[in-house]
Amino acid sequence: MIMLTQRAAERVRTMHAEIAAPSKRLRVFVESGGCSGFQYGMAFDERKDGDSELESEGVRFFIDQASLAYLEGSSIDFDDGLHGKGFEIKNPNAQSTCGCGKSFN
Protein backbone atom coordinates (compact mmCIF):
# COMPACT_ATOMS: atom_id res chain seq x y z
CA MET A 1 0.00 0.00 0.00
CA ILE A 2 1.11 3.53 -0.73
CA MET A 3 -0.33 6.25 1.49
CA LEU A 4 -0.89 9.93 0.74
CA THR A 5 -1.03 12.36 3.62
CA GLN A 6 -4.02 14.66 3.81
CA ARG A 7 -1.85 17.58 2.58
CA ALA A 8 -0.63 15.57 -0.42
CA ALA A 9 -4.16 14.44 -1.29
CA GLU A 10 -5.45 18.03 -1.14
CA ARG A 11 -2.65 19.22 -3.42
CA VAL A 12 -3.28 16.39 -5.93
CA ARG A 13 -7.00 17.23 -6.03
CA THR A 14 -6.19 20.91 -6.65
CA MET A 15 -3.72 20.08 -9.42
CA HIS A 16 -6.14 17.62 -11.04
CA ALA A 17 -8.88 20.27 -11.14
CA GLU A 18 -6.45 22.69 -12.79
CA ILE A 19 -5.62 20.35 -15.69
CA ALA A 20 -9.32 19.81 -16.50
CA ALA A 21 -8.79 16.25 -17.75
CA PRO A 22 -11.18 14.03 -15.77
CA SER A 23 -10.04 10.78 -17.42
CA LYS A 24 -6.47 11.29 -16.21
CA ARG A 25 -5.34 10.26 -12.74
CA LEU A 26 -2.17 10.74 -10.79
CA ARG A 27 0.58 8.30 -11.78
CA VAL A 28 3.34 7.56 -9.26
CA PHE A 29 6.43 5.92 -10.72
CA VAL A 30 10.11 5.12 -10.36
CA GLU A 31 12.57 5.53 -13.20
CA SER A 32 16.32 5.23 -13.69
CA GLY A 33 18.19 8.43 -13.03
CA GLY A 34 18.93 10.92 -10.33
CA CYS A 35 22.10 11.06 -8.31
CA SER A 36 21.37 7.80 -6.45
CA GLY A 37 20.35 5.46 -9.28
CA PHE A 38 16.54 5.77 -9.27
CA GLN A 39 14.27 8.78 -9.07
CA TYR A 40 10.65 9.29 -8.12
CA GLY A 41 8.14 10.73 -10.55
CA MET A 42 4.54 11.86 -10.53
CA ALA A 43 2.35 12.94 -13.45
CA PHE A 44 -1.27 12.91 -14.58
CA ASP A 45 -1.82 10.12 -17.08
CA GLU A 46 -4.26 7.62 -18.57
CA ARG A 47 -4.39 4.04 -17.34
CA LYS A 48 -1.96 1.66 -19.08
CA ASP A 49 -1.96 -2.13 -19.39
CA GLY A 50 -0.58 -3.71 -16.24
CA ASP A 51 -1.25 -0.71 -13.99
CA SER A 52 -2.59 -1.10 -10.51
CA GLU A 53 -5.09 1.48 -9.32
CA LEU A 54 -4.69 2.39 -5.67
CA GLU A 55 -6.56 4.83 -3.44
CA SER A 56 -5.49 6.86 -0.43
CA GLU A 57 -7.25 9.78 1.25
CA GLY A 58 -9.91 9.63 -1.47
CA VAL A 59 -7.37 10.04 -4.31
CA ARG A 60 -7.19 7.24 -6.86
CA PHE A 61 -3.87 6.85 -8.65
CA PHE A 62 -2.04 4.54 -11.04
CA ILE A 63 1.23 2.73 -10.52
CA ASP A 64 2.99 0.15 -12.69
CA GLN A 65 4.07 -3.16 -11.16
CA ALA A 66 7.82 -2.42 -11.23
CA SER A 67 7.33 0.90 -9.45
CA LEU A 68 4.99 -0.70 -6.91
CA ALA A 69 7.74 -3.15 -5.96
CA TYR A 70 10.06 -0.23 -5.13
CA LEU A 71 7.41 1.90 -3.41
CA GLU A 72 5.39 -0.61 -1.40
CA GLY A 73 4.84 0.80 2.09
CA SER A 74 5.82 4.36 1.12
CA SER A 75 4.06 7.56 2.12
CA ILE A 76 3.74 10.71 0.04
CA ASP A 77 3.53 14.10 1.73
CA PHE A 78 3.37 17.66 0.43
CA ASP A 79 5.09 20.63 2.04
CA ASP A 80 4.63 24.12 0.66
CA GLY A 81 5.95 26.04 3.66
CA LEU A 82 8.91 28.41 3.75
CA HIS A 83 11.39 25.58 3.22
CA GLY A 84 8.87 23.30 1.49
CA LYS A 85 10.15 20.69 -0.89
CA GLY A 86 6.85 20.07 -2.67
CA PHE A 87 5.98 16.37 -2.78
CA GLU A 88 8.18 14.16 -0.63
CA ILE A 89 8.20 10.37 -0.71
CA LYS A 90 9.23 8.48 2.41
CA ASN A 91 10.29 5.07 1.15
CA PRO A 92 11.10 2.33 3.68
CA ASN A 93 12.65 0.23 0.87
CA ALA A 94 15.33 2.78 -0.05
CA GLN A 95 18.82 1.85 1.13
CA SER A 96 19.93 5.45 0.77
CA THR A 97 18.61 8.71 -0.62
CA CYS A 98 20.31 11.78 -2.02
CA GLY A 99 20.23 15.15 -0.30
CA CYS A 100 17.39 16.44 -2.47
CA GLY A 101 15.14 13.51 -1.51
CA LYS A 102 14.11 12.92 -5.13
CA SER A 103 16.36 9.92 -5.84
CA PHE A 104 17.32 6.72 -4.05
CA ASN A 105 18.90 3.31 -4.38
PDB file of N, CA and C in Angstrom:
ATOM      1  N   MET A   1       0.842  -1.191   0.000  1.00  0.00           N
ATOM      2  CA  MET A   1       0.000   0.000   0.000  1.00  0.00           C
ATOM      3  C   MET A   1       0.880   1.245   0.000  1.00  0.00           C
ATOM      4  N   ILE A   2       0.450   2.239  -0.707  1.00  0.00           N
ATOM      5  CA  ILE A   2       1.113   3.533  -0.730  1.00  0.00           C
ATOM      6  C   ILE A   2       0.122   4.544  -0.164  1.00  0.00           C
ATOM      7  N   MET A   3       0.556   5.317   0.797  1.00  0.00           N
ATOM      8  CA  MET A   3      -0.326   6.248   1.490  1.00  0.00           C
ATOM      9  C   MET A   3      -0.003   7.694   1.127  1.00  0.00           C
ATOM     10  N   LEU A   4      -1.026   8.486   0.887  1.00  0.00           N
ATOM     11  CA  LEU A   4      -0.886   9.925   0.736  1.00  0.00           C
ATOM     12  C   LEU A   4      -1.307  10.572   2.047  1.00  0.00           C
ATOM     13  N   THR A   5      -0.578  11.594   2.465  1.00  0.00           N
ATOM     14  CA  THR A   5      -1.032  12.363   3.616  1.00  0.00           C
ATOM     15  C   THR A   5      -2.205  13.231   3.172  1.00  0.00           C
ATOM     16  N   GLN A   6      -2.904  13.786   4.133  1.00  0.00           N
ATOM     17  CA  GLN A   6      -4.018  14.662   3.809  1.00  0.00           C
ATOM     18  C   GLN A   6      -3.545  15.856   2.988  1.00  0.00           C
ATOM     19  N   ARG A   7      -2.384  16.433   3.338  1.00  0.00           N
ATOM     20  CA  ARG A   7      -1.853  17.577   2.582  1.00  0.00           C
ATOM     21  C   ARG A   7      -1.542  17.196   1.146  1.00  0.00           C
ATOM     22  N   ALA A   8      -0.951  16.018   0.942  1.00  0.00           N
ATOM     23  CA  ALA A   8      -0.629  15.566  -0.416  1.00  0.00           C
ATOM     24  C   ALA A   8      -1.913  15.339  -1.213  1.00  0.00           C
ATOM     25  N   ALA A   9      -2.895  14.710  -0.599  1.00  0.00           N
ATOM     26  CA  ALA A   9      -4.156  14.441  -1.288  1.00  0.00           C
ATOM     27  C   ALA A   9      -4.845  15.750  -1.693  1.00  0.00           C
ATOM     28  N   GLU A  10      -4.845  16.731  -0.810  1.00  0.00           N
ATOM     29  CA  GLU A  10      -5.454  18.026  -1.138  1.00  0.00           C
ATOM     30  C   GLU A  10      -4.745  18.679  -2.320  1.00  0.00           C
ATOM     31  N   ARG A  11      -3.417  18.612  -2.335  1.00  0.00           N
ATOM     32  CA  ARG A  11      -2.654  19.218  -3.421  1.00  0.00           C
ATOM     33  C   ARG A  11      -2.919  18.497  -4.749  1.00  0.00           C
ATOM     34  N   VAL A  12      -2.991  17.161  -4.714  1.00  0.00           N
ATOM     35  CA  VAL A  12      -3.282  16.387  -5.932  1.00  0.00           C
ATOM     36  C   VAL A  12      -4.659  16.758  -6.467  1.00  0.00           C
ATOM     37  N   ARG A  13      -5.658  16.862  -5.592  1.00  0.00           N
ATOM     38  CA  ARG A  13      -7.003  17.234  -6.031  1.00  0.00           C
ATOM     39  C   ARG A  13      -7.000  18.626  -6.682  1.00  0.00           C
ATOM     40  N   THR A  14      -6.277  19.562  -6.090  1.00  0.00           N
ATOM     41  CA  THR A  14      -6.189  20.912  -6.651  1.00  0.00           C
ATOM     42  C   THR A  14      -5.531  20.880  -8.023  1.00  0.00           C
ATOM     43  N   MET A  15      -4.427  20.163  -8.145  1.00  0.00           N
ATOM     44  CA  MET A  15      -3.722  20.082  -9.422  1.00  0.00           C
ATOM     45  C   MET A  15      -4.581  19.392 -10.476  1.00  0.00           C
ATOM     46  N   HIS A  16      -5.289  18.348 -10.091  1.00  0.00           N
ATOM     47  CA  HIS A  16      -6.139  17.622 -11.035  1.00  0.00           C
ATOM     48  C   HIS A  16      -7.237  18.527 -11.562  1.00  0.00           C
ATOM     49  N   ALA A  17      -7.835  19.337 -10.708  1.00  0.00           N
ATOM     50  CA  ALA A  17      -8.882  20.273 -11.140  1.00  0.00           C
ATOM     51  C   ALA A  17      -8.321  21.302 -12.116  1.00  0.00           C
ATOM     52  N   GLU A  18      -7.072  21.686 -11.923  1.00  0.00           N
ATOM     53  CA  GLU A  18      -6.453  22.694 -12.793  1.00  0.00           C
ATOM     54  C   GLU A  18      -6.178  22.170 -14.201  1.00  0.00           C
ATOM     55  N   ILE A  19      -5.928  20.872 -14.353  1.00  0.00           N
ATOM     56  CA  ILE A  19      -5.623  20.347 -15.688  1.00  0.00           C
ATOM     57  C   ILE A  19      -6.885  20.054 -16.493  1.00  0.00           C
ATOM     58  N   ALA A  20      -8.027  20.011 -15.822  1.00  0.00           N
ATOM     59  CA  ALA A  20      -9.317  19.811 -16.496  1.00  0.00           C
ATOM     60  C   ALA A  20      -9.296  18.612 -17.449  1.00  0.00           C
ATOM     61  N   ALA A  21      -8.803  17.489 -16.967  1.00  0.00           N
ATOM     62  CA  ALA A  21      -8.789  16.246 -17.748  1.00  0.00           C
ATOM     63  C   ALA A  21      -9.297  15.123 -16.843  1.00  0.00           C
ATOM     64  N   PRO A  22     -10.619  14.979 -16.734  1.00  0.00           N
ATOM     65  CA  PRO A  22     -11.179  14.031 -15.769  1.00  0.00           C
ATOM     66  C   PRO A  22     -10.779  12.573 -15.977  1.00  0.00           C
ATOM     67  N   SER A  23     -10.415  12.180 -17.191  1.00  0.00           N
ATOM     68  CA  SER A  23     -10.040  10.779 -17.422  1.00  0.00           C
ATOM     69  C   SER A  23      -8.619  10.469 -16.950  1.00  0.00           C
ATOM     70  N   LYS A  24      -7.840  11.503 -16.680  1.00  0.00           N
ATOM     71  CA  LYS A  24      -6.471  11.285 -16.206  1.00  0.00           C
ATOM     72  C   LYS A  24      -6.455  11.216 -14.685  1.00  0.00           C
ATOM     73  N   ARG A  25      -5.555  10.396 -14.186  1.00  0.00           N
ATOM     74  CA  ARG A  25      -5.344  10.264 -12.744  1.00  0.00           C
ATOM     75  C   ARG A  25      -3.854  10.458 -12.466  1.00  0.00           C
ATOM     76  N   LEU A  26      -3.563  10.649 -11.205  1.00  0.00           N
ATOM     77  CA  LEU A  26      -2.171  10.736 -10.787  1.00  0.00           C
ATOM     78  C   LEU A  26      -1.475   9.413 -11.091  1.00  0.00           C
ATOM     79  N   ARG A  27      -0.270   9.481 -11.612  1.00  0.00           N
ATOM     80  CA  ARG A  27       0.583   8.302 -11.781  1.00  0.00           C
ATOM     81  C   ARG A  27       1.812   8.525 -10.912  1.00  0.00           C
ATOM     82  N   VAL A  28       2.128   7.543 -10.084  1.00  0.00           N
ATOM     83  CA  VAL A  28       3.336   7.557  -9.261  1.00  0.00           C
ATOM     84  C   VAL A  28       4.252   6.505  -9.858  1.00  0.00           C
ATOM     85  N   PHE A  29       5.532   6.867 -10.067  1.00  0.00           N
ATOM     86  CA  PHE A  29       6.435   5.921 -10.719  1.00  0.00           C
ATOM     87  C   PHE A  29       7.873   6.111 -10.261  1.00  0.00           C
ATOM     88  N   VAL A  30       8.669   5.115 -10.591  1.00  0.00           N
ATOM     89  CA  VAL A  30      10.110   5.122 -10.356  1.00  0.00           C
ATOM     90  C   VAL A  30      10.768   4.924 -11.708  1.00  0.00           C
ATOM     91  N   GLU A  31      11.830   5.687 -11.952  1.00  0.00           N
ATOM     92  CA  GLU A  31      12.570   5.530 -13.205  1.00  0.00           C
ATOM     93  C   GLU A  31      14.067   5.629 -12.915  1.00  0.00           C
ATOM     94  N   SER A  32      14.866   5.123 -13.833  1.00  0.00           N
ATOM     95  CA  SER A  32      16.315   5.232 -13.694  1.00  0.00           C
ATOM     96  C   SER A  32      16.716   6.690 -13.785  1.00  0.00           C
ATOM     97  N   GLY A  33      17.701   7.060 -12.981  1.00  0.00           N
ATOM     98  CA  GLY A  33      18.193   8.429 -13.030  1.00  0.00           C
ATOM     99  C   GLY A  33      18.421   8.988 -11.649  1.00  0.00           C
ATOM    100  N   GLY A  34      18.651  10.270 -11.599  1.00  0.00           N
ATOM    101  CA  GLY A  34      18.926  10.919 -10.327  1.00  0.00           C
ATOM    102  C   GLY A  34      20.340  10.623  -9.869  1.00  0.00           C
ATOM    103  N   CYS A  35      20.726  11.217  -8.782  1.00  0.00           N
ATOM    104  CA  CYS A  35      22.099  11.059  -8.310  1.00  0.00           C
ATOM    105  C   CYS A  35      22.299   9.785  -7.498  1.00  0.00           C
ATOM    106  N   SER A  36      21.235   9.022  -7.229  1.00  0.00           N
ATOM    107  CA  SER A  36      21.374   7.800  -6.446  1.00  0.00           C
ATOM    108  C   SER A  36      20.966   6.537  -7.200  1.00  0.00           C
ATOM    109  N   GLY A  37      20.672   6.636  -8.480  1.00  0.00           N
ATOM    110  CA  GLY A  37      20.349   5.456  -9.275  1.00  0.00           C
ATOM    111  C   GLY A  37      18.919   5.405  -9.775  1.00  0.00           C
ATOM    112  N   PHE A  38      17.953   5.731  -8.903  1.00  0.00           N
ATOM    113  CA  PHE A  38      16.544   5.773  -9.271  1.00  0.00           C
ATOM    114  C   PHE A  38      15.967   7.103  -8.807  1.00  0.00           C
ATOM    115  N   GLN A  39      14.927   7.554  -9.511  1.00  0.00           N
ATOM    116  CA  GLN A  39      14.274   8.776  -9.068  1.00  0.00           C
ATOM    117  C   GLN A  39      12.761   8.593  -9.087  1.00  0.00           C
ATOM    118  N   TYR A  40      12.097   9.326  -8.215  1.00  0.00           N
ATOM    119  CA  TYR A  40      10.648   9.293  -8.123  1.00  0.00           C
ATOM    120  C   TYR A  40      10.048  10.218  -9.167  1.00  0.00           C
ATOM    121  N   GLY A  41       8.856   9.873  -9.623  1.00  0.00           N
ATOM    122  CA  GLY A  41       8.144  10.729 -10.546  1.00  0.00           C
ATOM    123  C   GLY A  41       6.651  10.683 -10.290  1.00  0.00           C
ATOM    124  N   MET A  42       5.984  11.761 -10.643  1.00  0.00           N
ATOM    125  CA  MET A  42       4.535  11.856 -10.535  1.00  0.00           C
ATOM    126  C   MET A  42       4.045  12.673 -11.719  1.00  0.00           C
ATOM    127  N   ALA A  43       2.928  12.230 -12.317  1.00  0.00           N
ATOM    128  CA  ALA A  43       2.346  12.945 -13.452  1.00  0.00           C
ATOM    129  C   ALA A  43       0.885  12.524 -13.564  1.00  0.00           C
ATOM    130  N   PHE A  44       0.099  13.299 -14.281  1.00  0.00           N
ATOM    131  CA  PHE A  44      -1.269  12.907 -14.579  1.00  0.00           C
ATOM    132  C   PHE A  44      -1.247  12.167 -15.901  1.00  0.00           C
ATOM    133  N   ASP A  45      -1.928  10.999 -15.931  1.00  0.00           N
ATOM    134  CA  ASP A  45      -1.817  10.121 -17.080  1.00  0.00           C
ATOM    135  C   ASP A  45      -3.061   9.252 -17.190  1.00  0.00           C
ATOM    136  N   GLU A  46      -3.206   8.612 -18.340  1.00  0.00           N
ATOM    137  CA  GLU A  46      -4.259   7.625 -18.575  1.00  0.00           C
ATOM    138  C   GLU A  46      -3.784   6.272 -18.038  1.00  0.00           C
ATOM    139  N   ARG A  47      -4.720   5.396 -17.781  1.00  0.00           N
ATOM    140  CA  ARG A  47      -4.393   4.036 -17.338  1.00  0.00           C
ATOM    141  C   ARG A  47      -3.697   3.283 -18.464  1.00  0.00           C
ATOM    142  N   LYS A  48      -2.679   2.484 -18.117  1.00  0.00           N
ATOM    143  CA  LYS A  48      -1.957   1.662 -19.080  1.00  0.00           C
ATOM    144  C   LYS A  48      -2.099   0.194 -18.691  1.00  0.00           C
ATOM    145  N   ASP A  49      -1.903  -0.695 -19.672  1.00  0.00           N
ATOM    146  CA  ASP A  49      -1.957  -2.125 -19.394  1.00  0.00           C
ATOM    147  C   ASP A  49      -0.980  -2.472 -18.275  1.00  0.00           C
ATOM    148  N   GLY A  50      -1.436  -3.270 -17.334  1.00  0.00           N
ATOM    149  CA  GLY A  50      -0.583  -3.715 -16.245  1.00  0.00           C
ATOM    150  C   GLY A  50      -0.562  -2.793 -15.041  1.00  0.00           C
ATOM    151  N   ASP A  51      -1.213  -1.639 -15.130  1.00  0.00           N
ATOM    152  CA  ASP A  51      -1.254  -0.712 -13.993  1.00  0.00           C
ATOM    153  C   ASP A  51      -2.109  -1.264 -12.867  1.00  0.00           C
ATOM    154  N   SER A  52      -1.726  -0.924 -11.663  1.00  0.00           N
ATOM    155  CA  SER A  52      -2.594  -1.098 -10.507  1.00  0.00           C
ATOM    156  C   SER A  52      -3.219   0.251 -10.228  1.00  0.00           C
ATOM    157  N   GLU A  53      -4.442   0.242  -9.735  1.00  0.00           N
ATOM    158  CA  GLU A  53      -5.088   1.481  -9.318  1.00  0.00           C
ATOM    159  C   GLU A  53      -5.261   1.416  -7.811  1.00  0.00           C
ATOM    160  N   LEU A  54      -4.634   2.338  -7.124  1.00  0.00           N
ATOM    161  CA  LEU A  54      -4.687   2.393  -5.670  1.00  0.00           C
ATOM    162  C   LEU A  54      -5.473   3.623  -5.246  1.00  0.00           C
ATOM    163  N   GLU A  55      -5.848   3.672  -3.971  1.00  0.00           N
ATOM    164  CA  GLU A  55      -6.555   4.830  -3.440  1.00  0.00           C
ATOM    165  C   GLU A  55      -6.056   5.125  -2.036  1.00  0.00           C
ATOM    166  N   SER A  56      -5.870   6.399  -1.763  1.00  0.00           N
ATOM    167  CA  SER A  56      -5.493   6.855  -0.434  1.00  0.00           C
ATOM    168  C   SER A  56      -6.064   8.250  -0.221  1.00  0.00           C
ATOM    169  N   GLU A  57      -6.652   8.480   0.922  1.00  0.00           N
ATOM    170  CA  GLU A  57      -7.247   9.784   1.252  1.00  0.00           C
ATOM    171  C   GLU A  57      -8.228  10.248   0.176  1.00  0.00           C
ATOM    172  N   GLY A  58      -8.924   9.294  -0.462  1.00  0.00           N
ATOM    173  CA  GLY A  58      -9.912   9.627  -1.475  1.00  0.00           C
ATOM    174  C   GLY A  58      -9.343   9.931  -2.851  1.00  0.00           C
ATOM    175  N   VAL A  59      -8.028   9.793  -3.012  1.00  0.00           N
ATOM    176  CA  VAL A  59      -7.373  10.038  -4.307  1.00  0.00           C
ATOM    177  C   VAL A  59      -7.027   8.690  -4.928  1.00  0.00           C
ATOM    178  N   ARG A  60      -7.539   8.456  -6.128  1.00  0.00           N
ATOM    179  CA  ARG A  60      -7.193   7.239  -6.859  1.00  0.00           C
ATOM    180  C   ARG A  60      -6.021   7.553  -7.774  1.00  0.00           C
ATOM    181  N   PHE A  61      -5.055   6.620  -7.838  1.00  0.00           N
ATOM    182  CA  PHE A  61      -3.871   6.848  -8.651  1.00  0.00           C
ATOM    183  C   PHE A  61      -3.372   5.545  -9.245  1.00  0.00           C
ATOM    184  N   PHE A  62      -2.595   5.680 -10.326  1.00  0.00           N
ATOM    185  CA  PHE A  62      -2.037   4.535 -11.037  1.00  0.00           C
ATOM    186  C   PHE A  62      -0.586   4.331 -10.640  1.00  0.00           C
ATOM    187  N   ILE A  63      -0.172   3.061 -10.718  1.00  0.00           N
ATOM    188  CA  ILE A  63       1.231   2.726 -10.523  1.00  0.00           C
ATOM    189  C   ILE A  63       1.504   1.427 -11.279  1.00  0.00           C
ATOM    190  N   ASP A  64       2.626   1.379 -11.981  1.00  0.00           N
ATOM    191  CA  ASP A  64       2.986   0.150 -12.686  1.00  0.00           C
ATOM    192  C   ASP A  64       3.585  -0.847 -11.690  1.00  0.00           C
ATOM    193  N   GLN A  65       3.641  -2.100 -12.081  1.00  0.00           N
ATOM    194  CA  GLN A  65       4.072  -3.158 -11.165  1.00  0.00           C
ATOM    195  C   GLN A  65       5.524  -3.000 -10.705  1.00  0.00           C
ATOM    196  N   ALA A  66       6.414  -2.595 -11.609  1.00  0.00           N
ATOM    197  CA  ALA A  66       7.817  -2.425 -11.227  1.00  0.00           C
ATOM    198  C   ALA A  66       7.962  -1.312 -10.191  1.00  0.00           C
ATOM    199  N   SER A  67       7.263  -0.203 -10.401  1.00  0.00           N
ATOM    200  CA  SER A  67       7.329   0.905  -9.447  1.00  0.00           C
ATOM    201  C   SER A  67       6.716   0.514  -8.110  1.00  0.00           C
ATOM    202  N   LEU A  68       5.634  -0.252  -8.147  1.00  0.00           N
ATOM    203  CA  LEU A  68       4.994  -0.695  -6.912  1.00  0.00           C
ATOM    204  C   LEU A  68       5.953  -1.518  -6.065  1.00  0.00           C
ATOM    205  N   ALA A  69       6.769  -2.345  -6.713  1.00  0.00           N
ATOM    206  CA  ALA A  69       7.741  -3.151  -5.963  1.00  0.00           C
ATOM    207  C   ALA A  69       8.733  -2.272  -5.201  1.00  0.00           C
ATOM    208  N   TYR A  70       9.132  -1.151  -5.792  1.00  0.00           N
ATOM    209  CA  TYR A  70      10.061  -0.229  -5.130  1.00  0.00           C
ATOM    210  C   TYR A  70       9.378   0.632  -4.066  1.00  0.00           C
ATOM    211  N   LEU A  71       8.087   0.920  -4.260  1.00  0.00           N
ATOM    212  CA  LEU A  71       7.414   1.903  -3.415  1.00  0.00           C
ATOM    213  C   LEU A  71       6.449   1.319  -2.382  1.00  0.00           C
ATOM    214  N   GLU A  72       6.297   0.022  -2.355  1.00  0.00           N
ATOM    215  CA  GLU A  72       5.388  -0.610  -1.401  1.00  0.00           C
ATOM    216  C   GLU A  72       5.701  -0.134   0.025  1.00  0.00           C
ATOM    217  N   GLY A  73       4.676   0.336   0.716  1.00  0.00           N
ATOM    218  CA  GLY A  73       4.842   0.803   2.089  1.00  0.00           C
ATOM    219  C   GLY A  73       5.263   2.254   2.218  1.00  0.00           C
ATOM    220  N   SER A  74       5.375   2.959   1.100  1.00  0.00           N
ATOM    221  CA  SER A  74       5.819   4.362   1.119  1.00  0.00           C
ATOM    222  C   SER A  74       4.671   5.302   1.473  1.00  0.00           C
ATOM    223  N   SER A  75       5.043   6.499   1.907  1.00  0.00           N
ATOM    224  CA  SER A  75       4.058   7.556   2.123  1.00  0.00           C
ATOM    225  C   SER A  75       4.485   8.784   1.330  1.00  0.00           C
ATOM    226  N   ILE A  76       3.495   9.513   0.840  1.00  0.00           N
ATOM    227  CA  ILE A  76       3.742  10.711   0.044  1.00  0.00           C
ATOM    228  C   ILE A  76       3.137  11.898   0.781  1.00  0.00           C
ATOM    229  N   ASP A  77       3.962  12.894   1.041  1.00  0.00           N
ATOM    230  CA  ASP A  77       3.534  14.103   1.735  1.00  0.00           C
ATOM    231  C   ASP A  77       3.747  15.296   0.817  1.00  0.00           C
ATOM    232  N   PHE A  78       3.164  16.421   1.171  1.00  0.00           N
ATOM    233  CA  PHE A  78       3.368  17.660   0.430  1.00  0.00           C
ATOM    234  C   PHE A  78       3.637  18.766   1.424  1.00  0.00           C
ATOM    235  N   ASP A  79       4.711  19.519   1.169  1.00  0.00           N
ATOM    236  CA  ASP A  79       5.086  20.629   2.041  1.00  0.00           C
ATOM    237  C   ASP A  79       5.290  21.864   1.185  1.00  0.00           C
ATOM    238  N   ASP A  80       4.482  22.882   1.426  1.00  0.00           N
ATOM    239  CA  ASP A  80       4.628  24.122   0.664  1.00  0.00           C
ATOM    240  C   ASP A  80       5.006  25.294   1.563  1.00  0.00           C
ATOM    241  N   GLY A  81       5.547  24.999   2.726  1.00  0.00           N
ATOM    242  CA  GLY A  81       5.950  26.041   3.662  1.00  0.00           C
ATOM    243  C   GLY A  81       7.190  26.782   3.194  1.00  0.00           C
ATOM    244  N   LEU A  82       7.751  27.577   4.061  1.00  0.00           N
ATOM    245  CA  LEU A  82       8.906  28.412   3.746  1.00  0.00           C
ATOM    246  C   LEU A  82      10.051  27.601   3.157  1.00  0.00           C
ATOM    247  N   HIS A  83      10.319  26.449   3.715  1.00  0.00           N
ATOM    248  CA  HIS A  83      11.392  25.583   3.216  1.00  0.00           C
ATOM    249  C   HIS A  83      10.812  24.334   2.552  1.00  0.00           C
ATOM    250  N   GLY A  84       9.567  24.438   2.062  1.00  0.00           N
ATOM    251  CA  GLY A  84       8.870  23.298   1.489  1.00  0.00           C
ATOM    252  C   GLY A  84       9.585  22.714   0.286  1.00  0.00           C
ATOM    253  N   LYS A  85       9.518  21.417   0.201  1.00  0.00           N
ATOM    254  CA  LYS A  85      10.153  20.691  -0.894  1.00  0.00           C
ATOM    255  C   LYS A  85       9.143  20.250  -1.935  1.00  0.00           C
ATOM    256  N   GLY A  86       7.876  20.597  -1.781  1.00  0.00           N
ATOM    257  CA  GLY A  86       6.851  20.066  -2.665  1.00  0.00           C
ATOM    258  C   GLY A  86       6.477  18.667  -2.206  1.00  0.00           C
ATOM    259  N   PHE A  87       6.305  17.743  -3.137  1.00  0.00           N
ATOM    260  CA  PHE A  87       5.977  16.370  -2.778  1.00  0.00           C
ATOM    261  C   PHE A  87       7.233  15.672  -2.273  1.00  0.00           C
ATOM    262  N   GLU A  88       7.060  14.907  -1.217  1.00  0.00           N
ATOM    263  CA  GLU A  88       8.176  14.163  -0.626  1.00  0.00           C
ATOM    264  C   GLU A  88       7.727  12.730  -0.378  1.00  0.00           C
ATOM    265  N   ILE A  89       8.511  11.783  -0.880  1.00  0.00           N
ATOM    266  CA  ILE A  89       8.196  10.370  -0.712  1.00  0.00           C
ATOM    267  C   ILE A  89       9.106   9.790   0.358  1.00  0.00           C
ATOM    268  N   LYS A  90       8.486   9.182   1.353  1.00  0.00           N
ATOM    269  CA  LYS A  90       9.231   8.481   2.408  1.00  0.00           C
ATOM    270  C   LYS A  90       9.133   6.997   2.085  1.00  0.00           C
ATOM    271  N   ASN A  91      10.254   6.433   1.669  1.00  0.00           N
ATOM    272  CA  ASN A  91      10.286   5.070   1.147  1.00  0.00           C
ATOM    273  C   ASN A  91      11.069   4.160   2.086  1.00  0.00           C
ATOM    274  N   PRO A  92      10.398   3.224   2.766  1.00  0.00           N
ATOM    275  CA  PRO A  92      11.103   2.327   3.681  1.00  0.00           C
ATOM    276  C   PRO A  92      11.988   1.309   2.958  1.00  0.00           C
ATOM    277  N   ASN A  93      11.861   1.183   1.647  1.00  0.00           N
ATOM    278  CA  ASN A  93      12.650   0.227   0.874  1.00  0.00           C
ATOM    279  C   ASN A  93      13.960   0.813   0.365  1.00  0.00           C
ATOM    280  N   ALA A  94      14.126   2.127   0.461  1.00  0.00           N
ATOM    281  CA  ALA A  94      15.334   2.784  -0.049  1.00  0.00           C
ATOM    282  C   ALA A  94      16.501   2.512   0.894  1.00  0.00           C
ATOM    283  N   GLN A  95      17.614   2.065   0.325  1.00  0.00           N
ATOM    284  CA  GLN A  95      18.817   1.848   1.125  1.00  0.00           C
ATOM    285  C   GLN A  95      19.481   3.174   1.464  1.00  0.00           C
ATOM    286  N   SER A  96      19.415   4.109   0.533  1.00  0.00           N
ATOM    287  CA  SER A  96      19.930   5.454   0.765  1.00  0.00           C
ATOM    288  C   SER A  96      19.218   6.416  -0.169  1.00  0.00           C
ATOM    289  N   THR A  97      19.206   7.681   0.213  1.00  0.00           N
ATOM    290  CA  THR A  97      18.610   8.713  -0.617  1.00  0.00           C
ATOM    291  C   THR A  97      19.607   9.853  -0.778  1.00  0.00           C
ATOM    292  N   CYS A  98      19.428  10.638  -1.816  1.00  0.00           N
ATOM    293  CA  CYS A  98      20.314  11.781  -2.019  1.00  0.00           C
ATOM    294  C   CYS A  98      19.812  12.951  -1.163  1.00  0.00           C
ATOM    295  N   GLY A  99      20.573  13.993  -1.112  1.00  0.00           N
ATOM    296  CA  GLY A  99      20.231  15.150  -0.299  1.00  0.00           C
ATOM    297  C   GLY A  99      18.949  15.827  -0.720  1.00  0.00           C
ATOM    298  N   CYS A 100      18.614  15.776  -2.006  1.00  0.00           N
ATOM    299  CA  CYS A 100      17.394  16.441  -2.470  1.00  0.00           C
ATOM    300  C   CYS A 100      16.140  15.640  -2.141  1.00  0.00           C
ATOM    301  N   GLY A 101      16.289  14.358  -1.831  1.00  0.00           N
ATOM    302  CA  GLY A 101      15.136  13.513  -1.506  1.00  0.00           C
ATOM    303  C   GLY A 101      14.358  13.037  -2.708  1.00  0.00           C
ATOM    304  N   LYS A 102      14.834  13.312  -3.905  1.00  0.00           N
ATOM    305  CA  LYS A 102      14.110  12.923  -5.125  1.00  0.00           C
ATOM    306  C   LYS A 102      14.651  11.648  -5.755  1.00  0.00           C
ATOM    307  N   SER A 103      15.812  11.167  -5.277  1.00  0.00           N
ATOM    308  CA  SER A 103      16.359   9.924  -5.840  1.00  0.00           C
ATOM    309  C   SER A 103      16.831   9.014  -4.712  1.00  0.00           C
ATOM    310  N   PHE A 104      16.979   7.732  -5.051  1.00  0.00           N
ATOM    311  CA  PHE A 104      17.317   6.717  -4.049  1.00  0.00           C
ATOM    312  C   PHE A 104      17.972   5.519  -4.706  1.00  0.00           C
ATOM    313  N   ASN A 105      18.471   4.615  -3.889  1.00  0.00           N
ATOM    314  CA  ASN A 105      18.905   3.315  -4.381  1.00  0.00           C
ATOM    315  C   ASN A 105      18.520   2.253  -3.387  1.00  0.00           C
TER     316      ASN A 105
END
